[in-house]
Amino acid sequence: MKVEVLYVAECPSHPVAVKLVKEVLAAEGVATEIQEVLVRDEGMADELRFSGSPTIRINGRDVAGESQNESFALSCRFYPGSKQVGLPSVELIHRAVLAARQQGRS
């Protein structure tokens, strides 16, 4: 399973996002490395289709679903419905991990 946390420098939510992902992976018994990707500039944001910091991807899929936004930028991210500002819910991460595990079995 490929797990990435994309972020911008000085993002206050980045360390907490990594911690949340580690907790979900541990709870599911998934041992994999988390790749932390620093998005340095606008060009890199466009290339990576970066939806804001932090963005968590499991096997290349955004845990919150793919953005319909065609403009990408070095900015903070808002996750609708989440109780924690700037972070996806634990449930979104959990569902993404479960979906990736199911894909790996098919």
Protein backbone atom coordinates (compact mmCIF):
# COMPACT_ATOMS: atom_id res chain seq x y z
CA MET A 1 0.00 0.00 0.00
CA LYS A 2 1.37 3.40 -0.99
CA VAL A 3 0.60 6.13 1.52
CA GLU A 4 1.47 9.79 0.90
CA VAL A 5 0.97 12.97 2.88
CA LEU A 6 1.48 16.01 0.65
CA TYR A 7 1.98 19.32 2.42
CA VAL A 8 3.38 22.84 2.21
CA ALA A 9 6.11 24.18 4.46
CA GLU A 10 4.87 25.61 7.76
CA CYS A 11 1.56 23.70 7.55
CA PRO A 12 0.36 23.33 11.14
CA SER A 13 -1.85 20.35 10.21
CA HIS A 14 0.92 18.29 8.56
CA PRO A 15 2.33 16.58 11.69
CA VAL A 16 -1.16 15.81 13.00
CA ALA A 17 -2.16 14.36 9.61
CA VAL A 18 0.84 12.02 9.66
CA LYS A 19 -0.05 10.96 13.21
CA LEU A 20 -3.68 10.24 12.21
CA VAL A 21 -2.55 8.14 9.26
CA LYS A 22 -0.12 6.18 11.46
CA GLU A 23 -2.89 5.50 13.98
CA VAL A 24 -5.31 4.24 11.31
CA LEU A 25 -2.65 2.05 9.69
CA ALA A 26 -1.71 0.57 13.08
CA ALA A 27 -5.37 -0.08 13.95
CA GLU A 28 -5.78 -1.93 10.65
CA GLY A 29 -2.53 -3.86 11.05
CA VAL A 30 -1.02 -2.29 7.93
CA ALA A 31 2.76 -1.94 8.02
CA THR A 32 3.86 0.51 5.35
CA GLU A 33 5.98 3.60 5.07
CA ILE A 34 4.32 6.99 4.89
CA GLN A 35 5.88 9.16 2.21
CA GLU A 36 5.85 12.82 3.19
CA VAL A 37 5.97 15.02 0.09
CA LEU A 38 6.83 18.71 0.48
CA VAL A 39 5.09 20.68 -2.29
CA ARG A 40 7.59 23.45 -2.95
CA ASP A 41 6.06 25.60 -5.68
CA GLU A 42 3.04 26.23 -7.93
CA GLY A 43 4.45 24.07 -10.72
CA MET A 44 4.80 21.12 -8.37
CA ALA A 45 1.27 21.77 -7.03
CA ASP A 46 -0.11 21.59 -10.58
CA GLU A 47 1.92 18.50 -11.46
CA LEU A 48 0.75 16.66 -8.33
CA ARG A 49 -2.84 17.97 -8.61
CA PHE A 50 -2.37 19.23 -5.06
CA SER A 51 -5.67 20.10 -3.38
CA GLY A 52 -4.12 21.85 -0.39
CA SER A 53 -2.15 21.05 2.71
CA PRO A 54 -2.29 18.42 3.95
CA THR A 55 -3.50 16.04 1.25
CA ILE A 56 -3.51 12.34 2.13
CA ARG A 57 -3.42 9.80 -0.67
CA ILE A 58 -3.69 6.03 -0.40
CA ASN A 59 -2.53 4.22 -3.55
CA GLY A 60 -2.73 7.53 -5.39
CA ARG A 61 -6.31 8.29 -4.35
CA ASP A 62 -7.21 11.28 -2.22
CA VAL A 63 -8.89 10.10 1.00
CA ALA A 64 -11.52 12.83 0.54
CA GLY A 65 -12.19 11.96 -3.09
CA GLU A 66 -10.81 13.55 -6.20
CA SER A 67 -11.12 17.30 -6.46
CA GLN A 68 -13.13 18.73 -9.32
CA ASN A 69 -10.97 21.83 -9.01
CA GLU A 70 -8.72 22.39 -11.99
CA SER A 71 -6.53 24.98 -10.29
CA PHE A 72 -4.03 23.81 -7.74
CA ALA A 73 -2.08 26.00 -5.33
CA LEU A 74 0.12 26.19 -2.29
CA SER A 75 -2.60 26.62 0.29
CA CYS A 76 -4.20 25.11 3.34
CA ARG A 77 -6.96 22.58 2.82
CA PHE A 78 -10.50 22.58 4.13
CA TYR A 79 -12.26 19.24 4.65
CA PRO A 80 -16.05 19.70 4.77
CA GLY A 81 -17.71 17.84 7.60
CA SER A 82 -14.51 17.29 9.56
CA LYS A 83 -14.41 18.18 13.24
CA GLN A 84 -10.74 19.19 13.03
CA VAL A 85 -9.88 22.23 10.94
CA GLY A 86 -7.47 21.38 8.14
CA LEU A 87 -7.69 17.61 8.58
CA PRO A 88 -9.82 14.87 7.11
CA SER A 89 -11.87 12.82 9.54
CA VAL A 90 -10.39 9.58 10.85
CA GLU A 91 -13.32 7.84 9.14
CA LEU A 92 -12.25 9.14 5.69
CA ILE A 93 -8.72 7.82 6.23
CA HIS A 94 -10.06 4.53 7.57
CA ARG A 95 -12.37 4.05 4.56
CA ALA A 96 -9.51 4.80 2.14
CA VAL A 97 -7.26 2.22 3.82
CA LEU A 98 -10.02 -0.41 3.75
CA ALA A 99 -10.75 0.32 0.07
CA ALA A 100 -7.05 -0.03 -0.78
CA ARG A 101 -6.88 -3.36 1.08
CA GLN A 102 -9.93 -4.62 -0.83
CA GLN A 103 -8.37 -3.54 -4.14
CA GLY A 104 -5.23 -5.44 -3.27
CA ARG A 105 -7.25 -8.62 -2.78
CA SER A 106 -9.11 -8.45 -6.08
